[in-house]
Amino acid sequence: MKKYIALLLTFFTFCSIFGCTSQKKEELIQVSGVYFDTVIQIQAWNADPDVLENCKEMCQEYENKFSTEIPTSEIAQINSAHGNPVNVSDETIDILKTALYYCKLSNGKFDITIAPVSKLWDFNGEHSGTLPNSEDISNALTHVGYQNIVLNGNSVTLLDPEAQIDLGGIAKGYIADRLKEYLLSMNVHHALINLGGNILAVGNRYDGQPFHIGIQKPFDKQNEPITQLEITDRSVVSSGNYERYFKVGDTIYHHILDTSTGYPCQNDLYQVTIISDNSVDGDALSTTCYALGYEDASKLIKQLDNIKAIFITSDYKLLTVE
C-alpha cells in the first residue's frame, strides 16, 4: 500500500527507548516484517510469541483489504467497479467512515479520493524528478471529491466512475489501533507498535517509565532527533515534506498534495507531529494540519479534545498547540 503521508519518527537506541532495567531479557520480545510498503515492528513485554505472530497476520489481512496495489483487495475492487456498488467487510466500512469524517472536518484538505492525482506523481521511482503534465493534473482533479463516496450498509459506491480511493493517509493509524486492541485483549499491557513511523504505545514500559520517542529533524542526513517526547498509552504520528520529495531548482516537490491544485502543499512548515489517544486520529490529522498550514491547523487543534500538535517551521522553530 503506497503511503503518501511521510511518517517521520525515529527510535533512539534500545536503552533510550526501553531503559536498561533489571528485567530479564527474555521478557521483551519483538517481531518485524514488511507490510504497506514499509517496515513494521512490534515489541512487547511478557507476551506469548504467538500473539505477536498473530499481529503480523493481522497486518497482512488488513493490507489485503485496504491496499490499492493488490487487485483483489476490497479498495481495489471499489476502484475498478466503474461506479457499481461493491460489498465490503465491516472493517473497510469502518475505516471509510472514519476517513470521511476527517475529509469533512478538513473541508477536503484531507481527501481519500486524491488517488487520480497522486498516481501522476513519482517521488521514489524511475521518473522521480519529473513534473507531471499540468493538463493531466487538471483532468485528474475533476475526479477528486470525497462526496463521491456513498456508503449504504456494507455497500460502497463511487458516484464518479473515474474516482478512486487511497487510504494511505489513514490506514496505518487505523491498523495500529486494531493491533493495540488485540494486544490488550490478550493481556499484553506493555508494548510499542511501530508501523513505518506510526508509533502507538500500549501502556508504558515494563519498569513503569514512559516511552521516549525521538522526533526526527527534517532534512537531517544523520536522522538526528530535533526533540523527544515521553509517551504513555498514546500515539505519535508525523507528516512532513522531507521524506518523499524531489527538487527542481530551489523548489521542493513533496508527497503531501494540495487537493485544490494537485501540486504539493506550499507553506512554511517542514513537519507536523500529532500526539493523540488513537493512532487513526494522529494519522489523518498530521496530514490535514500540514495541508492547512500553521494558522488554520492551530485553530482546528484547539477545537479537538486530547490532541496535541507540534509544528516544525522552515526555520526549525518548534510550535506546540493543544
C-alpha atoms as a PDB file:
ATOM      1  CA  MET A   1       0.000   0.000   0.000  1.00  0.00           C
ATOM      2  CA  LYS A   2       1.593   3.237  -1.091  1.00  0.00           C
ATOM      3  CA  LYS A   3       1.520   5.790   1.613  1.00  0.00           C
ATOM      4  CA  TYR A   4       1.708   9.403   0.503  1.00  0.00           C
ATOM      5  CA  ILE A   5       1.973  10.561   4.003  1.00  0.00           C
ATOM      6  CA  ALA A   6       5.586  10.612   5.298  1.00  0.00           C
ATOM      7  CA  LEU A   7       5.720   9.350   8.852  1.00  0.00           C
ATOM      8  CA  LEU A   8       8.912  10.701  10.253  1.00  0.00           C
ATOM      9  CA  LEU A   9       9.503   9.385  13.757  1.00  0.00           C
ATOM     10  CA  THR A  10      12.751   7.725  14.693  1.00  0.00           C
ATOM     11  CA  PHE A  11      13.678   5.481  17.579  1.00  0.00           C
ATOM     12  CA  PHE A  12      16.627   6.149  19.833  1.00  0.00           C
ATOM     13  CA  THR A  13      18.891   3.280  20.838  1.00  0.00           C
ATOM     14  CA  PHE A  14      17.439   0.304  22.662  1.00  0.00           C
ATOM     15  CA  CYS A  15      18.295   1.630  26.103  1.00  0.00           C
ATOM     16  CA  SER A  16      16.959   5.116  25.444  1.00  0.00           C
ATOM     17  CA  ILE A  17      13.565   3.684  24.474  1.00  0.00           C
ATOM     18  CA  PHE A  18      13.214   0.865  26.914  1.00  0.00           C
ATOM     19  CA  GLY A  19      15.776   1.692  29.554  1.00  0.00           C
ATOM     20  CA  CYS A  20      18.444  -0.675  30.805  1.00  0.00           C
ATOM     21  CA  THR A  21      16.383  -2.161  33.599  1.00  0.00           C
ATOM     22  CA  SER A  22      16.882  -5.295  35.621  1.00  0.00           C
ATOM     23  CA  GLN A  23      14.126  -7.325  33.995  1.00  0.00           C
ATOM     24  CA  LYS A  24      15.168 -10.483  32.218  1.00  0.00           C
ATOM     25  CA  LYS A  25      15.969 -10.052  28.551  1.00  0.00           C
ATOM     26  CA  GLU A  26      13.533 -12.791  27.551  1.00  0.00           C
ATOM     27  CA  GLU A  27      10.645 -10.766  28.925  1.00  0.00           C
ATOM     28  CA  LEU A  28      10.938  -8.438  25.935  1.00  0.00           C
ATOM     29  CA  ILE A  29      10.095  -9.971  22.554  1.00  0.00           C
ATOM     30  CA  GLN A  30       9.581  -8.431  19.149  1.00  0.00           C
ATOM     31  CA  VAL A  31       8.540  -9.195  15.605  1.00  0.00           C
ATOM     32  CA  SER A  32       9.080  -7.289  12.387  1.00  0.00           C
ATOM     33  CA  GLY A  33       8.015  -7.534   8.782  1.00  0.00           C
ATOM     34  CA  VAL A  34       7.317  -5.559   5.633  1.00  0.00           C
ATOM     35  CA  TYR A  35       3.716  -4.506   5.033  1.00  0.00           C
ATOM     36  CA  PHE A  36       2.134  -1.455   3.388  1.00  0.00           C
ATOM     37  CA  ASP A  37       5.487  -0.828   1.619  1.00  0.00           C
ATOM     38  CA  THR A  38       7.172  -0.171   4.935  1.00  0.00           C
ATOM     39  CA  VAL A  39       8.900  -1.958   7.803  1.00  0.00           C
ATOM     40  CA  ILE A  40       6.757  -2.651  10.842  1.00  0.00           C
ATOM     41  CA  GLN A  41       7.959  -3.618  14.306  1.00  0.00           C
ATOM     42  CA  ILE A  42       6.036  -4.669  17.402  1.00  0.00           C
ATOM     43  CA  GLN A  43       7.793  -5.015  20.757  1.00  0.00           C
ATOM     44  CA  ALA A  44       6.157  -6.278  23.935  1.00  0.00           C
ATOM     45  CA  TRP A  45       6.911  -7.493  27.415  1.00  0.00           C
ATOM     46  CA  ASN A  46       5.537 -10.736  28.837  1.00  0.00           C
ATOM     47  CA  ALA A  47       3.687 -11.634  25.647  1.00  0.00           C
ATOM     48  CA  ASP A  48       3.230 -15.048  24.089  1.00  0.00           C
ATOM     49  CA  PRO A  49       5.270 -15.152  20.841  1.00  0.00           C
ATOM     50  CA  ASP A  50       2.181 -16.471  19.062  1.00  0.00           C
ATOM     51  CA  VAL A  51       0.358 -13.254  19.954  1.00  0.00           C
ATOM     52  CA  LEU A  52       2.926 -11.144  18.124  1.00  0.00           C
ATOM     53  CA  GLU A  53       2.892 -13.526  15.176  1.00  0.00           C
ATOM     54  CA  ASN A  54      -0.870 -13.050  15.055  1.00  0.00           C
ATOM     55  CA  CYS A  55      -0.240  -9.297  14.885  1.00  0.00           C
ATOM     56  CA  LYS A  56       1.749  -9.865  11.715  1.00  0.00           C
ATOM     57  CA  GLU A  57      -1.084 -11.935  10.288  1.00  0.00           C
ATOM     58  CA  MET A  58      -3.477  -9.097  11.108  1.00  0.00           C
ATOM     59  CA  CYS A  59      -1.227  -6.670   9.212  1.00  0.00           C
ATOM     60  CA  GLN A  60      -1.332  -8.934   6.176  1.00  0.00           C
ATOM     61  CA  GLU A  61      -5.108  -9.292   6.382  1.00  0.00           C
ATOM     62  CA  TYR A  62      -5.600  -5.531   6.562  1.00  0.00           C
ATOM     63  CA  GLU A  63      -3.203  -4.963   3.680  1.00  0.00           C
ATOM     64  CA  ASN A  64      -5.235  -7.457   1.654  1.00  0.00           C
ATOM     65  CA  LYS A  65      -8.333  -5.355   2.365  1.00  0.00           C
ATOM     66  CA  PHE A  66      -7.031  -1.784   2.125  1.00  0.00           C
ATOM     67  CA  SER A  67      -4.210  -1.835  -0.441  1.00  0.00           C
ATOM     68  CA  THR A  68      -4.617  -0.092  -3.779  1.00  0.00           C
ATOM     69  CA  GLU A  69      -1.811  -2.264  -5.208  1.00  0.00           C
ATOM     70  CA  ILE A  70      -3.384  -5.686  -4.583  1.00  0.00           C
ATOM     71  CA  PRO A  71      -6.014  -6.229  -7.311  1.00  0.00           C
ATOM     72  CA  THR A  72      -8.133  -8.468  -5.092  1.00  0.00           C
ATOM     73  CA  SER A  73      -8.276  -6.011  -2.176  1.00  0.00           C
ATOM     74  CA  GLU A  74     -11.619  -4.503  -1.302  1.00  0.00           C
ATOM     75  CA  ILE A  75     -10.387  -0.980  -2.045  1.00  0.00           C
ATOM     76  CA  ALA A  76      -9.010  -2.065  -5.424  1.00  0.00           C
ATOM     77  CA  GLN A  77     -12.345  -3.703  -6.233  1.00  0.00           C
ATOM     78  CA  ILE A  78     -14.178  -0.469  -5.421  1.00  0.00           C
ATOM     79  CA  ASN A  79     -11.773   1.494  -7.610  1.00  0.00           C
ATOM     80  CA  SER A  80     -12.215  -0.859 -10.556  1.00  0.00           C
ATOM     81  CA  ALA A  81     -16.007  -1.171 -10.278  1.00  0.00           C
ATOM     82  CA  HIS A  82     -16.636   1.868 -12.548  1.00  0.00           C
ATOM     83  CA  GLY A  83     -19.307   3.236 -10.245  1.00  0.00           C
ATOM     84  CA  ASN A  84     -21.059  -0.024  -9.492  1.00  0.00           C
ATOM     85  CA  PRO A  85     -21.715  -0.860  -5.809  1.00  0.00           C
ATOM     86  CA  VAL A  86     -19.259  -3.211  -4.096  1.00  0.00           C
ATOM     87  CA  ASN A  87     -19.947  -5.134  -0.899  1.00  0.00           C
ATOM     88  CA  VAL A  88     -17.064  -4.998   1.565  1.00  0.00           C
ATOM     89  CA  SER A  89     -16.191  -6.091   5.100  1.00  0.00           C
ATOM     90  CA  ASP A  90     -17.149  -4.318   8.306  1.00  0.00           C
ATOM     91  CA  GLU A  91     -13.519  -3.187   8.731  1.00  0.00           C
ATOM     92  CA  THR A  92     -13.469  -1.471   5.352  1.00  0.00           C
ATOM     93  CA  ILE A  93     -16.730   0.308   6.097  1.00  0.00           C
ATOM     94  CA  ASP A  94     -15.365   1.321   9.494  1.00  0.00           C
ATOM     95  CA  ILE A  95     -12.183   2.869   8.113  1.00  0.00           C
ATOM     96  CA  LEU A  96     -14.080   4.585   5.293  1.00  0.00           C
ATOM     97  CA  LYS A  97     -16.476   6.175   7.791  1.00  0.00           C
ATOM     98  CA  THR A  98     -13.548   7.434   9.852  1.00  0.00           C
ATOM     99  CA  ALA A  99     -11.756   8.725   6.766  1.00  0.00           C
ATOM    100  CA  LEU A 100     -14.857  10.534   5.550  1.00  0.00           C
ATOM    101  CA  TYR A 101     -15.196  12.191   8.960  1.00  0.00           C
ATOM    102  CA  TYR A 102     -11.750  13.732   8.500  1.00  0.00           C
ATOM    103  CA  CYS A 103     -12.461  14.634   4.892  1.00  0.00           C
ATOM    104  CA  LYS A 104     -15.438  16.674   6.098  1.00  0.00           C
ATOM    105  CA  LEU A 105     -13.624  18.073   9.144  1.00  0.00           C
ATOM    106  CA  SER A 106     -10.828  19.391   6.928  1.00  0.00           C
ATOM    107  CA  ASN A 107     -13.181  20.709   4.224  1.00  0.00           C
ATOM    108  CA  GLY A 108     -11.474  18.393   1.763  1.00  0.00           C
ATOM    109  CA  LYS A 109      -7.854  19.262   2.601  1.00  0.00           C
ATOM    110  CA  PHE A 110      -7.661  15.615   3.589  1.00  0.00           C
ATOM    111  CA  ASP A 111      -9.371  13.653   0.821  1.00  0.00           C
ATOM    112  CA  ILE A 112      -9.077   9.916   0.282  1.00  0.00           C
ATOM    113  CA  THR A 113     -10.117  10.290  -3.383  1.00  0.00           C
ATOM    114  CA  ILE A 114      -6.815  12.041  -4.191  1.00  0.00           C
ATOM    115  CA  ALA A 115      -5.594   8.835  -5.891  1.00  0.00           C
ATOM    116  CA  PRO A 116      -6.121  10.004  -9.524  1.00  0.00           C
ATOM    117  CA  VAL A 117      -3.763  12.911  -8.822  1.00  0.00           C
ATOM    118  CA  SER A 118      -1.224  11.184  -6.593  1.00  0.00           C
ATOM    119  CA  LYS A 119      -0.728   8.486  -9.234  1.00  0.00           C
ATOM    120  CA  LEU A 120       0.676  11.162 -11.544  1.00  0.00           C
ATOM    121  CA  TRP A 121       3.496  11.971  -9.137  1.00  0.00           C
ATOM    122  CA  ASP A 122       6.572   9.750  -8.792  1.00  0.00           C
ATOM    123  CA  PHE A 123       8.666  10.609  -5.761  1.00  0.00           C
ATOM    124  CA  ASN A 124      10.721   7.430  -5.470  1.00  0.00           C
ATOM    125  CA  GLY A 125      10.613   5.589  -8.794  1.00  0.00           C
ATOM    126  CA  GLU A 126      12.376   5.797 -12.130  1.00  0.00           C
ATOM    127  CA  HIS A 127      10.552   9.000 -13.085  1.00  0.00           C
ATOM    128  CA  SER A 128      11.294  10.808  -9.846  1.00  0.00           C
ATOM    129  CA  GLY A 129      12.220  14.432 -10.504  1.00  0.00           C
ATOM    130  CA  THR A 130       9.834  14.783 -13.438  1.00  0.00           C
ATOM    131  CA  LEU A 131       6.840  17.082 -13.059  1.00  0.00           C
ATOM    132  CA  PRO A 132       3.506  15.706 -14.239  1.00  0.00           C
ATOM    133  CA  ASN A 133       1.774  17.344 -17.171  1.00  0.00           C
ATOM    134  CA  SER A 134      -0.363  20.243 -15.926  1.00  0.00           C
ATOM    135  CA  GLU A 135      -3.321  19.200 -18.104  1.00  0.00           C
ATOM    136  CA  ASP A 136      -3.173  15.690 -16.660  1.00  0.00           C
ATOM    137  CA  ILE A 137      -3.300  17.155 -13.164  1.00  0.00           C
ATOM    138  CA  SER A 138      -6.247  19.362 -14.062  1.00  0.00           C
ATOM    139  CA  ASN A 139      -8.140  16.418 -15.538  1.00  0.00           C
ATOM    140  CA  ALA A 140      -7.381  14.204 -12.534  1.00  0.00           C
ATOM    141  CA  LEU A 141      -8.601  16.897 -10.146  1.00  0.00           C
ATOM    142  CA  THR A 142     -12.077  16.692 -11.655  1.00  0.00           C
ATOM    143  CA  HIS A 143     -12.353  13.183 -10.176  1.00  0.00           C
ATOM    144  CA  VAL A 144     -11.249  14.198  -6.659  1.00  0.00           C
ATOM    145  CA  GLY A 145     -14.060  14.691  -4.181  1.00  0.00           C
ATOM    146  CA  TYR A 146     -14.894  12.621  -1.119  1.00  0.00           C
ATOM    147  CA  GLN A 147     -18.581  13.445  -1.728  1.00  0.00           C
ATOM    148  CA  ASN A 148     -18.444  10.823  -4.500  1.00  0.00           C
ATOM    149  CA  ILE A 149     -18.202   8.046  -1.897  1.00  0.00           C
ATOM    150  CA  VAL A 150     -21.587   6.651  -0.879  1.00  0.00           C
ATOM    151  CA  LEU A 151     -21.889   4.101   1.918  1.00  0.00           C
ATOM    152  CA  ASN A 152     -25.039   2.039   2.302  1.00  0.00           C
ATOM    153  CA  GLY A 153     -24.729  -0.718   4.855  1.00  0.00           C
ATOM    154  CA  ASN A 154     -21.747  -2.726   3.684  1.00  0.00           C
ATOM    155  CA  SER A 155     -22.040  -1.420   0.130  1.00  0.00           C
ATOM    156  CA  VAL A 156     -19.688   1.208  -1.307  1.00  0.00           C
ATOM    157  CA  THR A 157     -20.422   3.161  -4.481  1.00  0.00           C
ATOM    158  CA  LEU A 158     -18.343   5.789  -6.259  1.00  0.00           C
ATOM    159  CA  LEU A 159     -20.710   8.264  -7.931  1.00  0.00           C
ATOM    160  CA  ASP A 160     -17.888   9.252 -10.300  1.00  0.00           C
ATOM    161  CA  PRO A 161     -16.790   6.082 -12.136  1.00  0.00           C
ATOM    162  CA  GLU A 162     -13.296   7.579 -12.551  1.00  0.00           C
ATOM    163  CA  ALA A 163     -12.879   8.399  -8.857  1.00  0.00           C
ATOM    164  CA  GLN A 164     -10.504   6.247  -6.820  1.00  0.00           C
ATOM    165  CA  ILE A 165      -9.872   5.753  -3.122  1.00  0.00           C
ATOM    166  CA  ASP A 166      -6.442   5.701  -1.483  1.00  0.00           C
ATOM    167  CA  LEU A 167      -6.340   5.031   2.271  1.00  0.00           C
ATOM    168  CA  GLY A 168      -2.599   5.656   2.538  1.00  0.00           C
ATOM    169  CA  GLY A 169      -3.140   8.696   4.740  1.00  0.00           C
ATOM    170  CA  ILE A 170      -5.083   6.860   7.420  1.00  0.00           C
ATOM    171  CA  ALA A 171      -4.715   3.077   7.098  1.00  0.00           C
ATOM    172  CA  LYS A 172      -1.640   2.552   9.270  1.00  0.00           C
ATOM    173  CA  GLY A 173      -3.150   4.557  12.087  1.00  0.00           C
ATOM    174  CA  TYR A 174      -6.344   2.524  11.888  1.00  0.00           C
ATOM    175  CA  ILE A 175      -4.426  -0.759  11.838  1.00  0.00           C
ATOM    176  CA  ALA A 176      -2.220   0.280  14.767  1.00  0.00           C
ATOM    177  CA  ASP A 177      -5.359   0.875  16.852  1.00  0.00           C
ATOM    178  CA  ARG A 178      -6.694  -2.569  15.969  1.00  0.00           C
ATOM    179  CA  LEU A 179      -3.364  -4.150  16.943  1.00  0.00           C
ATOM    180  CA  LYS A 180      -3.458  -2.368  20.282  1.00  0.00           C
ATOM    181  CA  GLU A 181      -6.994  -3.594  20.928  1.00  0.00           C
ATOM    182  CA  TYR A 182      -5.882  -7.141  20.179  1.00  0.00           C
ATOM    183  CA  LEU A 183      -2.815  -6.954  22.423  1.00  0.00           C
ATOM    184  CA  LEU A 184      -4.905  -5.678  25.313  1.00  0.00           C
ATOM    185  CA  SER A 185      -7.424  -8.460  24.767  1.00  0.00           C
ATOM    186  CA  MET A 186      -4.525 -10.917  25.124  1.00  0.00           C
ATOM    187  CA  ASN A 187      -3.418  -9.306  28.408  1.00  0.00           C
ATOM    188  CA  VAL A 188      -0.415  -7.540  26.885  1.00  0.00           C
ATOM    189  CA  HIS A 189      -0.220  -4.203  28.681  1.00  0.00           C
ATOM    190  CA  HIS A 190       3.317  -3.032  27.867  1.00  0.00           C
ATOM    191  CA  ALA A 191       4.154  -2.791  24.170  1.00  0.00           C
ATOM    192  CA  LEU A 192       5.231  -0.440  21.416  1.00  0.00           C
ATOM    193  CA  ILE A 193       3.762  -0.635  17.910  1.00  0.00           C
ATOM    194  CA  ASN A 194       5.732   0.940  15.063  1.00  0.00           C
ATOM    195  CA  LEU A 195       4.082   0.830  11.652  1.00  0.00           C
ATOM    196  CA  GLY A 196       6.624   2.565   9.472  1.00  0.00           C
ATOM    197  CA  GLY A 197       6.878   5.534  11.842  1.00  0.00           C
ATOM    198  CA  ASN A 198       3.316   5.468  13.192  1.00  0.00           C
ATOM    199  CA  ILE A 199       4.115   4.947  16.865  1.00  0.00           C
ATOM    200  CA  LEU A 200       1.477   3.679  19.279  1.00  0.00           C
ATOM    201  CA  ALA A 201       2.239   2.833  22.896  1.00  0.00           C
ATOM    202  CA  VAL A 202       0.337   0.166  24.771  1.00  0.00           C
ATOM    203  CA  GLY A 203       0.643   1.411  28.340  1.00  0.00           C
ATOM    204  CA  ASN A 204       4.166   2.278  29.418  1.00  0.00           C
ATOM    205  CA  ARG A 205       7.496   0.491  29.745  1.00  0.00           C
ATOM    206  CA  TYR A 206       7.623  -2.585  31.920  1.00  0.00           C
ATOM    207  CA  ASP A 207       9.555  -0.642  34.572  1.00  0.00           C
ATOM    208  CA  GLY A 208       6.704   1.883  34.814  1.00  0.00           C
ATOM    209  CA  GLN A 209       8.517   4.641  32.938  1.00  0.00           C
ATOM    210  CA  PRO A 210       7.152   6.297  29.772  1.00  0.00           C
ATOM    211  CA  PHE A 211       8.493   5.511  26.346  1.00  0.00           C
ATOM    212  CA  HIS A 212      10.980   8.023  24.925  1.00  0.00           C
ATOM    213  CA  ILE A 213      10.262   8.775  21.267  1.00  0.00           C
ATOM    214  CA  GLY A 214      12.558  10.913  19.135  1.00  0.00           C
ATOM    215  CA  ILE A 215      11.149  13.279  16.507  1.00  0.00           C
ATOM    216  CA  GLN A 216      13.450  13.421  13.507  1.00  0.00           C
ATOM    217  CA  LYS A 217      14.962  16.733  12.498  1.00  0.00           C
ATOM    218  CA  PRO A 218      13.736  17.472   8.950  1.00  0.00           C
ATOM    219  CA  PHE A 219      16.319  17.015   6.204  1.00  0.00           C
ATOM    220  CA  ASP A 220      18.974  15.882   8.687  1.00  0.00           C
ATOM    221  CA  LYS A 221      21.082  13.273   6.933  1.00  0.00           C
ATOM    222  CA  GLN A 222      22.110  11.675  10.216  1.00  0.00           C
ATOM    223  CA  ASN A 223      18.471  11.239  11.305  1.00  0.00           C
ATOM    224  CA  GLU A 224      19.166  13.131  14.486  1.00  0.00           C
ATOM    225  CA  PRO A 225      16.124  13.955  16.636  1.00  0.00           C
ATOM    226  CA  ILE A 226      15.115  17.585  16.974  1.00  0.00           C
ATOM    227  CA  THR A 227      13.256  16.809  20.200  1.00  0.00           C
ATOM    228  CA  GLN A 228      11.981  13.857  22.176  1.00  0.00           C
ATOM    229  CA  LEU A 229       8.668  13.004  23.777  1.00  0.00           C
ATOM    230  CA  GLU A 230       7.684  10.942  26.783  1.00  0.00           C
ATOM    231  CA  ILE A 231       4.700   8.805  25.813  1.00  0.00           C
ATOM    232  CA  THR A 232       2.411   6.547  27.833  1.00  0.00           C
ATOM    233  CA  ASP A 233      -0.553   4.841  26.171  1.00  0.00           C
ATOM    234  CA  ARG A 234      -0.669   7.367  23.331  1.00  0.00           C
ATOM    235  CA  SER A 235       0.116   7.688  19.636  1.00  0.00           C
ATOM    236  CA  VAL A 236       2.746   9.794  17.871  1.00  0.00           C
ATOM    237  CA  VAL A 237       2.477  10.368  14.114  1.00  0.00           C
ATOM    238  CA  SER A 238       4.358  12.861  11.939  1.00  0.00           C
ATOM    239  CA  SER A 239       3.874  14.161   8.400  1.00  0.00           C
ATOM    240  CA  GLY A 240       6.300  16.413   6.576  1.00  0.00           C
ATOM    241  CA  ASN A 241       7.827  17.456   3.298  1.00  0.00           C
ATOM    242  CA  TYR A 242      11.269  15.873   3.671  1.00  0.00           C
ATOM    243  CA  GLU A 243      10.946  12.113   3.354  1.00  0.00           C
ATOM    244  CA  ARG A 244       9.449  11.644  -0.101  1.00  0.00           C
ATOM    245  CA  TYR A 245      10.353  14.542  -2.345  1.00  0.00           C
ATOM    246  CA  PHE A 246      12.464  15.777  -5.210  1.00  0.00           C
ATOM    247  CA  LYS A 247      13.803  19.213  -6.083  1.00  0.00           C
ATOM    248  CA  VAL A 248      13.563  21.171  -9.315  1.00  0.00           C
ATOM    249  CA  GLY A 249      15.747  24.226  -8.979  1.00  0.00           C
ATOM    250  CA  ASP A 250      15.125  25.567  -5.497  1.00  0.00           C
ATOM    251  CA  THR A 251      11.586  24.171  -5.263  1.00  0.00           C
ATOM    252  CA  ILE A 252      10.800  21.088  -3.191  1.00  0.00           C
ATOM    253  CA  TYR A 253       8.066  18.873  -4.622  1.00  0.00           C
ATOM    254  CA  HIS A 254       6.861  16.540  -1.887  1.00  0.00           C
ATOM    255  CA  HIS A 255       4.181  13.902  -1.443  1.00  0.00           C
ATOM    256  CA  ILE A 256       1.582  15.892   0.544  1.00  0.00           C
ATOM    257  CA  LEU A 257      -0.629  17.206  -2.220  1.00  0.00           C
ATOM    258  CA  ASP A 258      -2.956  20.184  -2.151  1.00  0.00           C
ATOM    259  CA  THR A 259      -6.357  18.781  -3.086  1.00  0.00           C
ATOM    260  CA  SER A 260      -7.342  22.080  -4.712  1.00  0.00           C
ATOM    261  CA  THR A 261      -4.329  22.395  -7.041  1.00  0.00           C
ATOM    262  CA  GLY A 262      -2.970  18.873  -7.432  1.00  0.00           C
ATOM    263  CA  TYR A 263       0.511  20.139  -6.578  1.00  0.00           C
ATOM    264  CA  PRO A 264       2.425  19.731  -3.299  1.00  0.00           C
ATOM    265  CA  CYS A 265       1.264  21.980  -0.470  1.00  0.00           C
ATOM    266  CA  GLN A 266       3.336  25.130  -0.167  1.00  0.00           C
ATOM    267  CA  ASN A 267       3.714  26.671   3.293  1.00  0.00           C
ATOM    268  CA  ASP A 268       6.330  27.497   5.934  1.00  0.00           C
ATOM    269  CA  LEU A 269       6.129  24.104   7.636  1.00  0.00           C
ATOM    270  CA  TYR A 270       8.596  21.250   7.472  1.00  0.00           C
ATOM    271  CA  GLN A 271       6.653  18.879   9.681  1.00  0.00           C
ATOM    272  CA  VAL A 272       3.622  18.349  11.890  1.00  0.00           C
ATOM    273  CA  THR A 273       3.577  15.792  14.703  1.00  0.00           C
ATOM    274  CA  ILE A 274       0.312  14.764  16.351  1.00  0.00           C
ATOM    275  CA  ILE A 275       0.092  13.223  19.807  1.00  0.00           C
ATOM    276  CA  SER A 276      -3.301  11.583  20.365  1.00  0.00           C
ATOM    277  CA  ASP A 277      -5.023   8.725  22.142  1.00  0.00           C
ATOM    278  CA  ASN A 278      -5.815   6.926  18.887  1.00  0.00           C
ATOM    279  CA  SER A 279      -3.348   6.483  16.070  1.00  0.00           C
ATOM    280  CA  VAL A 280      -6.006   6.835  13.379  1.00  0.00           C
ATOM    281  CA  ASP A 281      -6.622  10.408  14.573  1.00  0.00           C
ATOM    282  CA  GLY A 282      -2.927  11.223  14.517  1.00  0.00           C
ATOM    283  CA  ASP A 283      -2.527   9.744  11.048  1.00  0.00           C
ATOM    284  CA  ALA A 284      -5.315  11.795   9.491  1.00  0.00           C
ATOM    285  CA  LEU A 285      -4.621  14.971  11.470  1.00  0.00           C
ATOM    286  CA  SER A 286      -0.904  15.082  10.741  1.00  0.00           C
ATOM    287  CA  THR A 287      -1.637  15.279   7.020  1.00  0.00           C
ATOM    288  CA  THR A 288      -4.600  17.595   7.497  1.00  0.00           C
ATOM    289  CA  CYS A 289      -2.646  20.034   9.658  1.00  0.00           C
ATOM    290  CA  TYR A 290       0.280  20.136   7.263  1.00  0.00           C
ATOM    291  CA  ALA A 291      -2.085  20.843   4.378  1.00  0.00           C
ATOM    292  CA  LEU A 292      -3.918  23.554   6.322  1.00  0.00           C
ATOM    293  CA  GLY A 293      -0.780  25.402   7.388  1.00  0.00           C
ATOM    294  CA  TYR A 294       0.041  26.613  10.877  1.00  0.00           C
ATOM    295  CA  GLU A 295      -2.670  29.215  11.461  1.00  0.00           C
ATOM    296  CA  ASP A 296      -5.672  27.210  10.276  1.00  0.00           C
ATOM    297  CA  ALA A 297      -4.303  23.983  11.725  1.00  0.00           C
ATOM    298  CA  SER A 298      -3.841  25.631  15.123  1.00  0.00           C
ATOM    299  CA  LYS A 299      -7.472  26.697  15.144  1.00  0.00           C
ATOM    300  CA  LEU A 300      -8.535  23.144  14.324  1.00  0.00           C
ATOM    301  CA  ILE A 301      -6.375  21.542  17.018  1.00  0.00           C
ATOM    302  CA  LYS A 302      -7.767  23.885  19.676  1.00  0.00           C
ATOM    303  CA  GLN A 303     -11.267  22.651  18.840  1.00  0.00           C
ATOM    304  CA  LEU A 304     -10.367  18.998  19.427  1.00  0.00           C
ATOM    305  CA  ASP A 305     -10.113  17.146  22.726  1.00  0.00           C
ATOM    306  CA  ASN A 306      -6.930  15.389  23.883  1.00  0.00           C
ATOM    307  CA  ILE A 307      -4.966  16.287  20.753  1.00  0.00           C
ATOM    308  CA  LYS A 308      -1.538  17.921  20.821  1.00  0.00           C
ATOM    309  CA  ALA A 309       0.332  19.170  17.752  1.00  0.00           C
ATOM    310  CA  ILE A 310       3.987  20.084  17.362  1.00  0.00           C
ATOM    311  CA  PHE A 311       4.760  22.170  14.274  1.00  0.00           C
ATOM    312  CA  ILE A 312       8.292  22.474  12.905  1.00  0.00           C
ATOM    313  CA  THR A 313       8.688  25.562  10.748  1.00  0.00           C
ATOM    314  CA  SER A 314      11.072  26.022   7.851  1.00  0.00           C
ATOM    315  CA  ASP A 315      13.465  27.861  10.194  1.00  0.00           C
ATOM    316  CA  TYR A 316      13.316  24.935  12.653  1.00  0.00           C
ATOM    317  CA  LYS A 317      11.172  26.572  15.298  1.00  0.00           C
ATOM    318  CA  LEU A 318       9.011  24.201  17.356  1.00  0.00           C
ATOM    319  CA  LEU A 319       5.479  25.450  17.962  1.00  0.00           C
ATOM    320  CA  THR A 320       3.197  23.450  20.255  1.00  0.00           C
ATOM    321  CA  VAL A 321      -0.593  23.720  20.187  1.00  0.00           C
ATOM    322  CA  GLU A 322      -3.174  21.787  22.199  1.00  0.00           C
END
